Amino acid sequence: MMRLPRLQLNTIIILPVSEIVIFEDASHQHHLEKTDEYLKVVRNFIDKAEKRQMFTPLKTPIPLK
């Protein structure tokens, strides 16, 4: 059984649509070491987010000051 660090647990609580993925045998540069697996996870998350309509487009642009 793996225990998650407190920061990851807080992330799950604060951002309920977040996901934690552990890449076996990879360091902090998993995007370079396991590029195909990393991109698959990111694309899958974006696809699910779009289906949930997590990102709502703005109806009017935000004025720049």
C-alpha atoms as a PDB file:
ATOM      1  CA  MET A   1       0.000   0.000   0.000  1.00  0.00           C
ATOM      2  CA  MET A   2       1.299   3.425  -0.934  1.00  0.00           C
ATOM      3  CA  ARG A   3       0.745   6.426   1.290  1.00  0.00           C
ATOM      4  CA  LEU A   4       0.201   9.774  -0.384  1.00  0.00           C
ATOM      5  CA  PRO A   5       2.027  12.846   0.900  1.00  0.00           C
ATOM      6  CA  ARG A   6      -0.120  15.450   2.651  1.00  0.00           C
ATOM      7  CA  LEU A   7       0.165  17.891  -0.286  1.00  0.00           C
ATOM      8  CA  GLN A   8      -1.371  15.340  -2.655  1.00  0.00           C
ATOM      9  CA  LEU A   9      -4.163  14.564  -0.224  1.00  0.00           C
ATOM     10  CA  ASN A  10      -4.928  18.282   0.126  1.00  0.00           C
ATOM     11  CA  THR A  11      -4.988  18.609  -3.657  1.00  0.00           C
ATOM     12  CA  ILE A  12      -7.608  15.882  -3.914  1.00  0.00           C
ATOM     13  CA  ILE A  13      -9.735  17.605  -1.273  1.00  0.00           C
ATOM     14  CA  ILE A  14      -9.403  21.108  -2.741  1.00  0.00           C
ATOM     15  CA  LEU A  15      -9.691  20.063  -6.390  1.00  0.00           C
ATOM     16  CA  PRO A  16     -12.156  17.168  -6.470  1.00  0.00           C
ATOM     17  CA  VAL A  17     -11.785  16.707 -10.236  1.00  0.00           C
ATOM     18  CA  SER A  18      -8.036  16.248  -9.877  1.00  0.00           C
ATOM     19  CA  GLU A  19      -6.341  12.912 -10.406  1.00  0.00           C
ATOM     20  CA  ILE A  20      -3.077  11.508  -9.110  1.00  0.00           C
ATOM     21  CA  VAL A  21      -1.166   9.209 -11.424  1.00  0.00           C
ATOM     22  CA  ILE A  22       1.957   7.350 -10.365  1.00  0.00           C
ATOM     23  CA  PHE A  23       4.438   6.503 -13.096  1.00  0.00           C
ATOM     24  CA  GLU A  24       6.370   3.425 -12.024  1.00  0.00           C
ATOM     25  CA  ASP A  25      10.160   3.576 -12.366  1.00  0.00           C
ATOM     26  CA  ALA A  26      10.194   7.276 -13.235  1.00  0.00           C
ATOM     27  CA  SER A  27      11.705  10.285 -11.527  1.00  0.00           C
ATOM     28  CA  HIS A  28      10.326  13.824 -11.441  1.00  0.00           C
ATOM     29  CA  GLN A  29      10.886  14.008 -15.201  1.00  0.00           C
ATOM     30  CA  HIS A  30       8.244  11.446 -16.105  1.00  0.00           C
ATOM     31  CA  HIS A  31       7.172  13.585 -19.065  1.00  0.00           C
ATOM     32  CA  LEU A  32      10.614  12.904 -20.575  1.00  0.00           C
ATOM     33  CA  GLU A  33      11.151   9.360 -19.327  1.00  0.00           C
ATOM     34  CA  LYS A  34       7.702   7.975 -20.147  1.00  0.00           C
ATOM     35  CA  THR A  35       6.446  10.439 -22.746  1.00  0.00           C
ATOM     36  CA  ASP A  36       3.863   8.170 -24.395  1.00  0.00           C
ATOM     37  CA  GLU A  37       2.329   7.119 -21.079  1.00  0.00           C
ATOM     38  CA  TYR A  38       2.362  10.721 -19.809  1.00  0.00           C
ATOM     39  CA  LEU A  39       0.655  12.112 -22.913  1.00  0.00           C
ATOM     40  CA  LYS A  40      -1.976   9.379 -22.770  1.00  0.00           C
ATOM     41  CA  VAL A  41      -2.821  10.326 -19.174  1.00  0.00           C
ATOM     42  CA  VAL A  42      -2.993  14.050 -19.987  1.00  0.00           C
ATOM     43  CA  ARG A  43      -5.183  13.500 -23.070  1.00  0.00           C
ATOM     44  CA  ASN A  44      -7.487  11.213 -21.105  1.00  0.00           C
ATOM     45  CA  PHE A  45      -7.872  13.822 -18.350  1.00  0.00           C
ATOM     46  CA  ILE A  46      -8.612  16.596 -20.859  1.00  0.00           C
ATOM     47  CA  ASP A  47     -11.176  14.415 -22.658  1.00  0.00           C
ATOM     48  CA  LYS A  48     -12.955  13.693 -19.373  1.00  0.00           C
ATOM     49  CA  ALA A  49     -12.827  17.374 -18.380  1.00  0.00           C
ATOM     50  CA  GLU A  50     -14.373  18.425 -21.675  1.00  0.00           C
ATOM     51  CA  LYS A  51     -17.164  15.883 -21.254  1.00  0.00           C
ATOM     52  CA  ARG A  52     -17.892  17.296 -17.785  1.00  0.00           C
ATOM     53  CA  GLN A  53     -17.743  20.783 -19.262  1.00  0.00           C
ATOM     54  CA  MET A  54     -15.357  21.638 -16.509  1.00  0.00           C
ATOM     55  CA  PHE A  55     -14.082  24.549 -18.567  1.00  0.00           C
ATOM     56  CA  THR A  56     -16.881  26.950 -19.432  1.00  0.00           C
ATOM     57  CA  PRO A  57     -15.973  29.433 -22.166  1.00  0.00           C
ATOM     58  CA  LEU A  58     -16.391  33.089 -21.238  1.00  0.00           C
ATOM     59  CA  LYS A  59     -19.384  34.801 -22.845  1.00  0.00           C
ATOM     60  CA  THR A  60     -17.663  38.169 -22.843  1.00  0.00           C
ATOM     61  CA  PRO A  61     -13.943  38.850 -22.890  1.00  0.00           C
ATOM     62  CA  ILE A  62     -12.267  40.094 -19.748  1.00  0.00           C
ATOM     63  CA  PRO A  63     -11.240  43.736 -20.251  1.00  0.00           C
ATOM     64  CA  LEU A  64      -7.537  44.427 -20.002  1.00  0.00           C
ATOM     65  CA  LYS A  65      -6.579  47.371 -17.800  1.00  0.00           C
END
